[in-house]
Amino acid sequence: GVSIVREALKVPAKTIASNAGIDGGVVVEKVLASSSNTHGYNAQTSAYVDMIKEGILDPTKVVRTALMDAARIASLMTTAEAVIVDLPKEEPAAPARGGMGGMGGDMDY
């Protein structure tokens, strides 16, 4: 369970870096290799900075709520004997129209 949470905590940083056009895995590894708890990646400037000094903060309540919700869902999924989901419905393919549009008997006036 702990390793799942650790991996899940890396996803936001990877996503932010990937959205900035940088390899998210490299960014996460550099941030984790730092000895500082406030060292992070500023995607806007493409620089590794002290996040507190730069004013880049995560709202604690948002992060805490997201972690608690993820833990609840993970717990539910691991203790459930069966999970019921809806399969996506396949849309029927549109019938092929014969001939070339606008020619012959295909009168689109």
Protein backbone atom coordinates (compact mmCIF):
# COMPACT_ATOMS: atom_id res chain seq x y z
CA GLY A 1 0.00 0.00 0.00
CA VAL A 2 2.77 2.47 0.86
CA SER A 3 4.52 1.99 -2.48
CA ILE A 4 1.25 2.66 -4.31
CA VAL A 5 0.82 5.96 -2.45
CA ARG A 6 4.45 6.92 -3.12
CA GLU A 7 4.02 6.31 -6.84
CA ALA A 8 0.70 8.15 -6.88
CA LEU A 9 2.32 11.19 -5.26
CA LYS A 10 4.75 11.45 -8.19
CA VAL A 11 1.98 11.73 -10.79
CA PRO A 12 1.10 15.44 -10.36
CA ALA A 13 4.75 16.52 -10.74
CA LYS A 14 5.21 14.23 -13.76
CA THR A 15 2.04 15.59 -15.34
CA ILE A 16 3.00 19.23 -14.79
CA ALA A 17 6.46 18.63 -16.27
CA SER A 18 5.05 16.69 -19.22
CA ASN A 19 2.56 19.47 -19.93
CA ALA A 20 5.53 21.88 -19.97
CA GLY A 21 7.26 19.69 -22.57
CA ILE A 22 9.83 18.20 -20.18
CA ASP A 23 10.33 14.50 -19.30
CA GLY A 24 8.32 14.12 -16.09
CA GLY A 25 10.35 11.16 -14.84
CA VAL A 26 13.59 13.13 -15.00
CA VAL A 27 12.04 16.08 -13.13
CA VAL A 28 10.68 13.85 -10.37
CA GLU A 29 14.01 12.07 -9.91
CA LYS A 30 15.92 15.38 -9.69
CA VAL A 31 13.45 16.74 -7.14
CA LEU A 32 13.61 13.56 -5.04
CA ALA A 33 17.42 13.56 -5.18
CA SER A 34 17.51 16.99 -3.53
CA SER A 35 18.15 17.12 0.21
CA SER A 36 15.80 20.10 0.59
CA ASN A 37 12.11 19.58 1.37
CA THR A 38 11.23 22.79 -0.47
CA HIS A 39 13.17 22.11 -3.69
CA GLY A 40 10.97 21.71 -6.75
CA TYR A 41 10.49 22.37 -10.45
CA ASN A 42 8.97 25.63 -11.68
CA ALA A 43 7.34 24.66 -14.99
CA GLN A 44 6.73 28.29 -15.93
CA THR A 45 10.44 29.18 -15.90
CA SER A 46 11.82 25.64 -16.52
CA ALA A 47 14.04 25.95 -13.45
CA TYR A 48 14.58 24.04 -10.21
CA VAL A 49 13.86 26.45 -7.38
CA ASP A 50 13.02 26.74 -3.70
CA MET A 51 9.25 26.49 -4.01
CA ILE A 52 8.53 28.45 -0.81
CA LYS A 53 10.77 31.37 -1.80
CA GLU A 54 9.15 31.45 -5.26
CA GLY A 55 5.67 31.47 -3.72
CA ILE A 56 4.63 28.18 -5.32
CA LEU A 57 2.44 26.42 -2.75
CA ASP A 58 -0.09 23.60 -2.76
CA PRO A 59 -3.22 24.30 -0.77
CA THR A 60 -2.97 21.77 2.07
CA LYS A 61 -6.70 21.08 2.19
CA VAL A 62 -6.83 20.26 -1.54
CA VAL A 63 -3.86 17.89 -1.35
CA ARG A 64 -5.10 16.24 1.85
CA THR A 65 -8.59 15.76 0.42
CA ALA A 66 -7.23 14.26 -2.80
CA LEU A 67 -5.06 11.79 -0.86
CA MET A 68 -7.91 10.82 1.45
CA ASP A 69 -10.27 10.27 -1.48
CA ALA A 70 -7.69 8.18 -3.33
CA ALA A 71 -7.08 6.07 -0.22
CA ARG A 72 -10.82 5.49 0.24
CA ILE A 73 -11.27 4.35 -3.37
CA ALA A 74 -8.18 2.12 -3.20
CA SER A 75 -9.46 0.58 0.03
CA LEU A 76 -12.88 -0.01 -1.47
CA MET A 77 -11.42 -1.60 -4.60
CA THR A 78 -9.13 -3.93 -2.67
CA THR A 79 -11.79 -5.13 -0.22
CA ALA A 80 -14.63 -5.56 -2.71
CA GLU A 81 -15.28 -9.09 -3.87
CA ALA A 82 -16.79 -7.84 -7.11
CA VAL A 83 -16.95 -4.53 -8.92
CA ILE A 84 -19.68 -3.76 -11.44
CA VAL A 85 -18.87 -1.36 -14.25
CA ASP A 86 -20.62 -0.26 -17.41
CA LEU A 87 -18.94 -1.37 -20.62
CA PRO A 88 -18.71 1.32 -23.28
CA LYS A 89 -21.36 0.94 -25.94
CA GLU A 90 -20.13 0.46 -29.47
CA GLU A 91 -21.68 2.88 -31.92
CA PRO A 92 -22.82 1.20 -35.13
CA ALA A 93 -20.84 2.28 -38.17
CA ALA A 94 -22.62 4.64 -40.54
CA PRO A 95 -23.77 2.85 -43.70
CA ALA A 96 -21.58 3.50 -46.72
CA ARG A 97 -23.17 5.61 -49.45
CA GLY A 98 -22.64 4.47 -52.96
CA GLY A 99 -21.58 6.71 -55.84
CA MET A 100 -20.13 10.16 -55.82
CA GLY A 101 -22.04 12.90 -54.09
CA GLY A 102 -23.74 15.43 -56.36
CA MET A 103 -23.72 13.19 -59.41
CA GLY A 104 -26.33 11.01 -61.01
CA GLY A 105 -29.32 10.07 -58.88
CA ASP A 106 -28.00 11.72 -55.72
CA MET A 107 -29.94 14.97 -55.99
CA ASP A 108 -29.11 17.21 -53.07
CA TYR A 109 -30.97 20.43 -53.96
